[in-house]
Amino acid sequence: MTTPFLLHLPTIQAIPIIANLPHSGLFVPQAIATQLNLSHLPNQDWHLDKLYDFLPGLGITVLQATHSRYVVDLNRSPEAPLFGNFWRSIVAENTAFNVSLYQSPPSHSEIQQRVEQYYHPYHHQLQCLLNQSIDQFGKVYLLDLHSFFGLIEDEICLGNGNGKTCGDRFITIIEDAFCSNGYQVVRNKVFSGGYITQHYGDLPQVEALQVEVRYPVYLNTKQLDNAFVPDWNVPEFDRAKHQFEAVFRLIVDALLQE
């Protein structure tokens, strides 16, 4: 697999909402995999591409990463150091649990190659999609979709940089839609919005919001401590997907009532 992203265009009339899945890719090229200490890479946004595959049917454009966040982390700033802390660098040196990832660290040229091959094309595509939506509609809503396990125990966390990346109306619509379907929601609690939300949410005519979903909302809890990718073919996933589709129908209806 060489392409750094998949683009899922709306299957009905497009609306000014773009959904971004920067951490749902799991592919690791063999040349990189042989450098790693670990066969199981934790803290990835397991199966969000499948959970949200109904979005194009609502008119939403979806940009999905194909490669693992351990190849490059698309939700990190391109500023130095490019290799280092899991929470800050494009190429992580350790996992979120501070476990070393590499038998020997990648060279400077290898890191630069990853940035050029995977990071820049993805962000170029995302910027193009935002520009196209602004040209067509005058504005665009960007939903940066993630999942997590740990740090907090809330089901859904919405992050807008404490009010800096989107207006109160947008975040309230998202919050109300999840709450009306029985989910417990918090705002800017630990997850206040990463690089993508903050960078693009600072642009004119763009409102950006990070949506974090806790793993047990859609995955089998018993599988989460095992050293393998949790299964998406479980009742928890089917139930969550059905509810999420109802959530996003409410979101679309509310946002378009302007």
C-alpha atoms as a PDB file:
ATOM      1  CA  MET A   1       0.000   0.000   0.000  1.00  0.00           C
ATOM      2  CA  THR A   2       1.541   3.277  -1.102  1.00  0.00           C
ATOM      3  CA  THR A   3      -1.245   5.851  -0.991  1.00  0.00           C
ATOM      4  CA  PRO A   4      -1.280   7.750   2.339  1.00  0.00           C
ATOM      5  CA  PHE A   5      -5.039   8.265   2.326  1.00  0.00           C
ATOM      6  CA  LEU A   6      -8.410   7.149   1.021  1.00  0.00           C
ATOM      7  CA  LEU A   7     -10.961   9.738  -0.017  1.00  0.00           C
ATOM      8  CA  HIS A   8     -14.623   8.812   0.386  1.00  0.00           C
ATOM      9  CA  LEU A   9     -16.788  11.286  -1.490  1.00  0.00           C
ATOM     10  CA  PRO A  10     -20.458  11.858  -0.643  1.00  0.00           C
ATOM     11  CA  THR A  11     -22.896   9.471  -2.296  1.00  0.00           C
ATOM     12  CA  ILE A  12     -25.648  12.114  -2.131  1.00  0.00           C
ATOM     13  CA  GLN A  13     -25.464  15.891  -2.501  1.00  0.00           C
ATOM     14  CA  ALA A  14     -22.390  17.176  -0.669  1.00  0.00           C
ATOM     15  CA  ILE A  15     -22.772  19.307   2.451  1.00  0.00           C
ATOM     16  CA  PRO A  16     -20.139  21.536   4.121  1.00  0.00           C
ATOM     17  CA  ILE A  17     -18.896  18.866   6.545  1.00  0.00           C
ATOM     18  CA  ILE A  18     -15.557  17.078   6.226  1.00  0.00           C
ATOM     19  CA  ALA A  19     -14.697  14.155   8.506  1.00  0.00           C
ATOM     20  CA  ASN A  20     -11.047  13.382   9.092  1.00  0.00           C
ATOM     21  CA  LEU A  21      -9.689  10.005  10.309  1.00  0.00           C
ATOM     22  CA  PRO A  22      -5.933  10.509  10.829  1.00  0.00           C
ATOM     23  CA  HIS A  23      -5.314   7.590  13.203  1.00  0.00           C
ATOM     24  CA  SER A  24      -7.500   4.780  11.855  1.00  0.00           C
ATOM     25  CA  GLY A  25      -4.913   3.442   9.401  1.00  0.00           C
ATOM     26  CA  LEU A  26      -3.065   0.315  10.535  1.00  0.00           C
ATOM     27  CA  PHE A  27      -0.671  -0.404   7.672  1.00  0.00           C
ATOM     28  CA  VAL A  28       3.061  -0.458   8.441  1.00  0.00           C
ATOM     29  CA  PRO A  29       5.441  -0.937   5.477  1.00  0.00           C
ATOM     30  CA  GLN A  30       7.693  -3.962   5.877  1.00  0.00           C
ATOM     31  CA  ALA A  31      10.877  -1.852   5.879  1.00  0.00           C
ATOM     32  CA  ILE A  32       9.577   0.027   8.919  1.00  0.00           C
ATOM     33  CA  ALA A  33       8.058  -3.027  10.623  1.00  0.00           C
ATOM     34  CA  THR A  34      11.464  -4.748  10.697  1.00  0.00           C
ATOM     35  CA  GLN A  35      12.879  -1.804  12.663  1.00  0.00           C
ATOM     36  CA  LEU A  36      10.268  -2.060  15.415  1.00  0.00           C
ATOM     37  CA  ASN A  37      10.570  -3.819  18.751  1.00  0.00           C
ATOM     38  CA  LEU A  38       6.841  -4.459  19.019  1.00  0.00           C
ATOM     39  CA  SER A  39       4.556  -6.696  16.984  1.00  0.00           C
ATOM     40  CA  HIS A  40       1.448  -5.117  18.565  1.00  0.00           C
ATOM     41  CA  LEU A  41       1.204  -1.334  18.335  1.00  0.00           C
ATOM     42  CA  PRO A  42      -1.180   0.095  20.967  1.00  0.00           C
ATOM     43  CA  ASN A  43      -3.284   3.268  21.052  1.00  0.00           C
ATOM     44  CA  GLN A  44      -4.565   3.296  17.506  1.00  0.00           C
ATOM     45  CA  ASP A  45      -8.036   4.369  16.480  1.00  0.00           C
ATOM     46  CA  TRP A  46      -9.257   0.841  15.887  1.00  0.00           C
ATOM     47  CA  HIS A  47     -11.834   0.424  13.109  1.00  0.00           C
ATOM     48  CA  LEU A  48     -13.130   3.988  13.019  1.00  0.00           C
ATOM     49  CA  ASP A  49     -13.156   3.741   9.232  1.00  0.00           C
ATOM     50  CA  LYS A  50     -15.791   0.999   9.531  1.00  0.00           C
ATOM     51  CA  LEU A  51     -17.664   2.691  12.368  1.00  0.00           C
ATOM     52  CA  TYR A  52     -18.133   5.855  10.326  1.00  0.00           C
ATOM     53  CA  ASP A  53     -18.536   4.356   6.858  1.00  0.00           C
ATOM     54  CA  PHE A  54     -22.126   5.647   6.706  1.00  0.00           C
ATOM     55  CA  LEU A  55     -20.975   9.297   6.597  1.00  0.00           C
ATOM     56  CA  PRO A  56     -20.761   9.673   2.782  1.00  0.00           C
ATOM     57  CA  GLY A  57     -24.399   8.574   2.645  1.00  0.00           C
ATOM     58  CA  LEU A  58     -25.225  11.696   4.669  1.00  0.00           C
ATOM     59  CA  GLY A  59     -23.378  13.991   2.264  1.00  0.00           C
ATOM     60  CA  ILE A  60     -20.193  14.144   4.344  1.00  0.00           C
ATOM     61  CA  THR A  61     -16.751  13.951   2.717  1.00  0.00           C
ATOM     62  CA  VAL A  62     -14.378  11.572   4.551  1.00  0.00           C
ATOM     63  CA  LEU A  63     -10.569  11.623   4.436  1.00  0.00           C
ATOM     64  CA  GLN A  64      -9.055   8.478   5.939  1.00  0.00           C
ATOM     65  CA  ALA A  65      -5.404   7.683   6.652  1.00  0.00           C
ATOM     66  CA  THR A  66      -4.175   4.307   5.441  1.00  0.00           C
ATOM     67  CA  HIS A  67      -0.910   4.054   7.394  1.00  0.00           C
ATOM     68  CA  SER A  68      -0.408   3.596  11.122  1.00  0.00           C
ATOM     69  CA  ARG A  69       0.219   6.580  13.345  1.00  0.00           C
ATOM     70  CA  TYR A  70       3.551   4.897  14.104  1.00  0.00           C
ATOM     71  CA  VAL A  71       4.650   5.456  10.507  1.00  0.00           C
ATOM     72  CA  VAL A  72       3.815   9.149  10.796  1.00  0.00           C
ATOM     73  CA  ASP A  73       1.424  10.857  13.175  1.00  0.00           C
ATOM     74  CA  LEU A  74      -0.713  13.142  11.041  1.00  0.00           C
ATOM     75  CA  ASN A  75      -2.052  14.882  14.134  1.00  0.00           C
ATOM     76  CA  ARG A  76       1.318  16.364  15.115  1.00  0.00           C
ATOM     77  CA  SER A  77       2.941  19.657  14.199  1.00  0.00           C
ATOM     78  CA  PRO A  78       5.595  19.530  11.450  1.00  0.00           C
ATOM     79  CA  GLU A  79       7.957  21.507  13.664  1.00  0.00           C
ATOM     80  CA  ALA A  80      11.114  19.911  15.115  1.00  0.00           C
ATOM     81  CA  PRO A  81      11.812  17.547  16.709  1.00  0.00           C
ATOM     82  CA  LEU A  82      10.273  15.267  14.091  1.00  0.00           C
ATOM     83  CA  PHE A  83      11.394  12.187  16.054  1.00  0.00           C
ATOM     84  CA  GLY A  84      10.618  12.009  19.763  1.00  0.00           C
ATOM     85  CA  ASN A  85       7.741  12.144  22.225  1.00  0.00           C
ATOM     86  CA  PHE A  86       4.592  10.155  21.351  1.00  0.00           C
ATOM     87  CA  TRP A  87       2.358  13.124  22.128  1.00  0.00           C
ATOM     88  CA  ARG A  88       4.351  15.760  20.220  1.00  0.00           C
ATOM     89  CA  SER A  89       6.447  14.357  17.345  1.00  0.00           C
ATOM     90  CA  ILE A  90       5.464  13.213  13.860  1.00  0.00           C
ATOM     91  CA  VAL A  91       7.501  10.016  14.328  1.00  0.00           C
ATOM     92  CA  ALA A  92       7.174   8.567  17.816  1.00  0.00           C
ATOM     93  CA  GLU A  93      10.240   7.171  19.591  1.00  0.00           C
ATOM     94  CA  ASN A  94       8.165   5.386  22.267  1.00  0.00           C
ATOM     95  CA  THR A  95       4.559   4.314  22.749  1.00  0.00           C
ATOM     96  CA  ALA A  96       2.114   6.288  24.891  1.00  0.00           C
ATOM     97  CA  PHE A  97       3.207   3.964  27.724  1.00  0.00           C
ATOM     98  CA  ASN A  98       6.862   4.993  27.185  1.00  0.00           C
ATOM     99  CA  VAL A  99       7.862   1.619  25.749  1.00  0.00           C
ATOM    100  CA  SER A 100      10.677   1.901  23.210  1.00  0.00           C
ATOM    101  CA  LEU A 101       9.493   1.293  19.653  1.00  0.00           C
ATOM    102  CA  TYR A 102      12.774   0.816  17.816  1.00  0.00           C
ATOM    103  CA  GLN A 103      15.640  -1.619  17.899  1.00  0.00           C
ATOM    104  CA  SER A 104      17.649   1.192  16.323  1.00  0.00           C
ATOM    105  CA  PRO A 105      16.135   4.602  15.593  1.00  0.00           C
ATOM    106  CA  PRO A 106      15.349   5.625  12.011  1.00  0.00           C
ATOM    107  CA  SER A 107      17.892   7.907  10.376  1.00  0.00           C
ATOM    108  CA  HIS A 108      17.238  11.572   9.676  1.00  0.00           C
ATOM    109  CA  SER A 109      16.777  10.825   5.971  1.00  0.00           C
ATOM    110  CA  GLU A 110      14.333   7.984   6.733  1.00  0.00           C
ATOM    111  CA  ILE A 111      12.240  10.305   8.894  1.00  0.00           C
ATOM    112  CA  GLN A 112      12.281  13.005   6.228  1.00  0.00           C
ATOM    113  CA  GLN A 113      11.209  10.446   3.635  1.00  0.00           C
ATOM    114  CA  ARG A 114       8.213   9.454   5.744  1.00  0.00           C
ATOM    115  CA  VAL A 115       7.196  13.088   6.157  1.00  0.00           C
ATOM    116  CA  GLU A 116       7.432  13.703   2.406  1.00  0.00           C
ATOM    117  CA  GLN A 117       5.747  10.435   1.420  1.00  0.00           C
ATOM    118  CA  TYR A 118       2.894  10.290   3.948  1.00  0.00           C
ATOM    119  CA  TYR A 119       2.499  13.448   6.042  1.00  0.00           C
ATOM    120  CA  HIS A 120       2.605  16.258   3.473  1.00  0.00           C
ATOM    121  CA  PRO A 121       0.339  14.571   0.864  1.00  0.00           C
ATOM    122  CA  TYR A 122      -2.319  13.926   3.500  1.00  0.00           C
ATOM    123  CA  HIS A 123      -2.361  17.495   4.741  1.00  0.00           C
ATOM    124  CA  HIS A 124      -2.292  18.847   1.198  1.00  0.00           C
ATOM    125  CA  GLN A 125      -5.404  16.789   0.423  1.00  0.00           C
ATOM    126  CA  LEU A 126      -7.152  17.933   3.594  1.00  0.00           C
ATOM    127  CA  GLN A 127      -6.407  21.587   2.828  1.00  0.00           C
ATOM    128  CA  CYS A 128      -7.720  21.142  -0.723  1.00  0.00           C
ATOM    129  CA  LEU A 129     -10.964  19.638   0.580  1.00  0.00           C
ATOM    130  CA  LEU A 130     -11.458  22.506   3.008  1.00  0.00           C
ATOM    131  CA  ASN A 131     -10.775  25.077   0.273  1.00  0.00           C
ATOM    132  CA  GLN A 132     -13.228  23.381  -2.087  1.00  0.00           C
ATOM    133  CA  SER A 133     -15.965  23.383   0.547  1.00  0.00           C
ATOM    134  CA  ILE A 134     -15.333  27.034   1.385  1.00  0.00           C
ATOM    135  CA  ASP A 135     -15.512  27.934  -2.319  1.00  0.00           C
ATOM    136  CA  GLN A 136     -18.795  26.046  -2.667  1.00  0.00           C
ATOM    137  CA  PHE A 137     -20.545  26.868   0.618  1.00  0.00           C
ATOM    138  CA  GLY A 138     -18.704  29.850   2.094  1.00  0.00           C
ATOM    139  CA  LYS A 139     -17.616  27.842   5.139  1.00  0.00           C
ATOM    140  CA  VAL A 140     -16.826  24.306   6.278  1.00  0.00           C
ATOM    141  CA  TYR A 141     -17.174  22.200   9.423  1.00  0.00           C
ATOM    142  CA  LEU A 142     -14.243  19.866  10.125  1.00  0.00           C
ATOM    143  CA  LEU A 143     -14.828  16.850  12.378  1.00  0.00           C
ATOM    144  CA  ASP A 144     -11.555  15.291  13.541  1.00  0.00           C
ATOM    145  CA  LEU A 145     -12.569  11.777  14.611  1.00  0.00           C
ATOM    146  CA  HIS A 146     -10.580   9.725  17.143  1.00  0.00           C
ATOM    147  CA  SER A 147     -10.914   7.038  19.818  1.00  0.00           C
ATOM    148  CA  PHE A 148      -9.083   6.404  23.092  1.00  0.00           C
ATOM    149  CA  PHE A 149      -8.674   4.257  26.171  1.00  0.00           C
ATOM    150  CA  GLY A 150      -7.237   5.716  29.349  1.00  0.00           C
ATOM    151  CA  LEU A 151      -6.614   9.207  30.753  1.00  0.00           C
ATOM    152  CA  ILE A 152     -10.349   9.764  31.264  1.00  0.00           C
ATOM    153  CA  GLU A 153     -13.333   7.421  31.579  1.00  0.00           C
ATOM    154  CA  ASP A 154     -15.950   9.574  29.875  1.00  0.00           C
ATOM    155  CA  GLU A 155     -17.655   8.107  26.812  1.00  0.00           C
ATOM    156  CA  ILE A 156     -17.355  11.051  24.430  1.00  0.00           C
ATOM    157  CA  CYS A 157     -14.976  13.996  24.693  1.00  0.00           C
ATOM    158  CA  LEU A 158     -15.378  17.008  22.440  1.00  0.00           C
ATOM    159  CA  GLY A 159     -12.376  19.292  22.018  1.00  0.00           C
ATOM    160  CA  ASN A 160     -12.348  22.766  20.518  1.00  0.00           C
ATOM    161  CA  GLY A 161      -9.293  24.276  22.190  1.00  0.00           C
ATOM    162  CA  ASN A 162     -11.506  25.658  24.950  1.00  0.00           C
ATOM    163  CA  GLY A 163     -13.569  27.633  22.487  1.00  0.00           C
ATOM    164  CA  LYS A 164     -10.818  28.629  20.035  1.00  0.00           C
ATOM    165  CA  THR A 165     -11.414  26.295  17.063  1.00  0.00           C
ATOM    166  CA  CYS A 166     -15.189  26.461  16.667  1.00  0.00           C
ATOM    167  CA  GLY A 167     -18.166  28.382  17.898  1.00  0.00           C
ATOM    168  CA  ASP A 168     -20.463  27.355  20.721  1.00  0.00           C
ATOM    169  CA  ARG A 169     -23.287  26.513  18.325  1.00  0.00           C
ATOM    170  CA  PHE A 170     -21.251  23.830  16.530  1.00  0.00           C
ATOM    171  CA  ILE A 171     -19.998  22.063  19.666  1.00  0.00           C
ATOM    172  CA  THR A 172     -23.440  22.287  21.291  1.00  0.00           C
ATOM    173  CA  ILE A 173     -25.082  20.638  18.265  1.00  0.00           C
ATOM    174  CA  ILE A 174     -22.595  17.746  18.460  1.00  0.00           C
ATOM    175  CA  GLU A 175     -23.007  17.441  22.229  1.00  0.00           C
ATOM    176  CA  ASP A 176     -26.801  17.478  22.084  1.00  0.00           C
ATOM    177  CA  ALA A 177     -26.856  14.833  19.334  1.00  0.00           C
ATOM    178  CA  PHE A 178     -24.725  12.411  21.344  1.00  0.00           C
ATOM    179  CA  CYS A 179     -26.576  13.118  24.597  1.00  0.00           C
ATOM    180  CA  SER A 180     -29.967  12.555  22.970  1.00  0.00           C
ATOM    181  CA  ASN A 181     -28.790   9.064  22.033  1.00  0.00           C
ATOM    182  CA  GLY A 182     -27.771   8.224  25.594  1.00  0.00           C
ATOM    183  CA  TYR A 183     -24.045   9.018  25.540  1.00  0.00           C
ATOM    184  CA  GLN A 184     -22.213  10.790  28.321  1.00  0.00           C
ATOM    185  CA  VAL A 185     -20.291  13.775  26.939  1.00  0.00           C
ATOM    186  CA  VAL A 186     -17.629  16.147  28.247  1.00  0.00           C
ATOM    187  CA  ARG A 187     -15.925  19.143  26.686  1.00  0.00           C
ATOM    188  CA  ASN A 188     -12.158  19.806  26.543  1.00  0.00           C
ATOM    189  CA  LYS A 189     -11.350  17.304  29.279  1.00  0.00           C
ATOM    190  CA  VAL A 190      -7.746  16.257  28.525  1.00  0.00           C
ATOM    191  CA  PHE A 191      -8.615  16.025  24.810  1.00  0.00           C
ATOM    192  CA  SER A 192      -9.040  19.672  23.857  1.00  0.00           C
ATOM    193  CA  GLY A 193      -8.009  19.251  20.231  1.00  0.00           C
ATOM    194  CA  GLY A 194      -4.742  18.181  18.647  1.00  0.00           C
ATOM    195  CA  TYR A 195      -2.736  19.727  15.832  1.00  0.00           C
ATOM    196  CA  ILE A 196      -5.345  19.172  13.115  1.00  0.00           C
ATOM    197  CA  THR A 197      -8.191  20.711  15.101  1.00  0.00           C
ATOM    198  CA  GLN A 198      -6.087  23.646  16.267  1.00  0.00           C
ATOM    199  CA  HIS A 199      -4.283  24.335  12.987  1.00  0.00           C
ATOM    200  CA  TYR A 200      -7.260  24.144  10.638  1.00  0.00           C
ATOM    201  CA  GLY A 201      -9.685  25.585  13.175  1.00  0.00           C
ATOM    202  CA  ASP A 202      -7.569  28.747  13.146  1.00  0.00           C
ATOM    203  CA  LEU A 203      -8.320  29.344   9.453  1.00  0.00           C
ATOM    204  CA  PRO A 204     -11.075  31.701   8.284  1.00  0.00           C
ATOM    205  CA  GLN A 205     -14.400  30.033   7.432  1.00  0.00           C
ATOM    206  CA  VAL A 206     -13.331  26.763   9.130  1.00  0.00           C
ATOM    207  CA  GLU A 207     -14.890  25.461  12.338  1.00  0.00           C
ATOM    208  CA  ALA A 208     -13.010  22.428  13.658  1.00  0.00           C
ATOM    209  CA  LEU A 209     -13.901  20.014  16.437  1.00  0.00           C
ATOM    210  CA  GLN A 210     -12.137  16.912  17.757  1.00  0.00           C
ATOM    211  CA  VAL A 211     -14.432  14.023  18.687  1.00  0.00           C
ATOM    212  CA  GLU A 212     -12.924  11.357  20.959  1.00  0.00           C
ATOM    213  CA  VAL A 213     -14.822   8.106  21.564  1.00  0.00           C
ATOM    214  CA  ARG A 214     -13.771   5.758  24.369  1.00  0.00           C
ATOM    215  CA  TYR A 215     -12.978   2.242  23.139  1.00  0.00           C
ATOM    216  CA  PRO A 216     -15.635   0.430  25.248  1.00  0.00           C
ATOM    217  CA  VAL A 217     -18.342   2.496  23.534  1.00  0.00           C
ATOM    218  CA  TYR A 218     -17.874   0.416  20.386  1.00  0.00           C
ATOM    219  CA  LEU A 219     -15.429  -2.408  21.170  1.00  0.00           C
ATOM    220  CA  ASN A 220     -15.544  -5.492  23.392  1.00  0.00           C
ATOM    221  CA  THR A 221     -13.929  -4.526  26.689  1.00  0.00           C
ATOM    222  CA  LYS A 222     -12.536  -8.032  27.273  1.00  0.00           C
ATOM    223  CA  GLN A 223     -10.364  -7.709  24.160  1.00  0.00           C
ATOM    224  CA  LEU A 224      -8.760  -4.397  25.040  1.00  0.00           C
ATOM    225  CA  ASP A 225      -5.987  -5.748  27.275  1.00  0.00           C
ATOM    226  CA  ASN A 226      -4.886  -8.370  24.764  1.00  0.00           C
ATOM    227  CA  ALA A 227      -1.876  -8.002  22.486  1.00  0.00           C
ATOM    228  CA  PHE A 228      -3.852  -8.018  19.254  1.00  0.00           C
ATOM    229  CA  VAL A 229      -6.161  -5.749  17.309  1.00  0.00           C
ATOM    230  CA  PRO A 230      -9.650  -5.904  18.859  1.00  0.00           C
ATOM    231  CA  ASP A 231     -12.408  -7.329  16.694  1.00  0.00           C
ATOM    232  CA  TRP A 232     -14.982  -5.044  15.089  1.00  0.00           C
ATOM    233  CA  ASN A 233     -17.390  -7.906  14.376  1.00  0.00           C
ATOM    234  CA  VAL A 234     -18.940  -7.776  17.862  1.00  0.00           C
ATOM    235  CA  PRO A 235     -22.377  -6.715  19.196  1.00  0.00           C
ATOM    236  CA  GLU A 236     -20.905  -3.589  20.832  1.00  0.00           C
ATOM    237  CA  PHE A 237     -19.705  -2.353  17.447  1.00  0.00           C
ATOM    238  CA  ASP A 238     -23.008  -3.009  15.679  1.00  0.00           C
ATOM    239  CA  ARG A 239     -24.953  -1.272  18.425  1.00  0.00           C
ATOM    240  CA  ALA A 240     -22.663   1.775  18.436  1.00  0.00           C
ATOM    241  CA  LYS A 241     -22.694   2.100  14.654  1.00  0.00           C
ATOM    242  CA  HIS A 242     -26.493   2.099  14.602  1.00  0.00           C
ATOM    243  CA  GLN A 243     -26.590   4.775  17.316  1.00  0.00           C
ATOM    244  CA  PHE A 244     -23.833   6.853  15.718  1.00  0.00           C
ATOM    245  CA  GLU A 245     -25.734   6.985  12.461  1.00  0.00           C
ATOM    246  CA  ALA A 246     -28.701   8.411  14.371  1.00  0.00           C
ATOM    247  CA  VAL A 247     -26.352  10.879  16.088  1.00  0.00           C
ATOM    248  CA  PHE A 248     -24.913  12.134  12.824  1.00  0.00           C
ATOM    249  CA  ARG A 249     -28.298  12.446  11.163  1.00  0.00           C
ATOM    250  CA  LEU A 250     -29.232  14.825  13.960  1.00  0.00           C
ATOM    251  CA  ILE A 251     -25.961  16.706  13.503  1.00  0.00           C
ATOM    252  CA  VAL A 252     -26.467  17.121   9.767  1.00  0.00           C
ATOM    253  CA  ASP A 253     -30.083  18.256  10.176  1.00  0.00           C
ATOM    254  CA  ALA A 254     -29.133  20.816  12.842  1.00  0.00           C
ATOM    255  CA  LEU A 255     -26.120  22.240  11.011  1.00  0.00           C
ATOM    256  CA  LEU A 256     -28.035  22.711   7.783  1.00  0.00           C
ATOM    257  CA  GLN A 257     -30.802  24.680   9.527  1.00  0.00           C
ATOM    258  CA  GLU A 258     -29.046  28.008   9.097  1.00  0.00           C
END
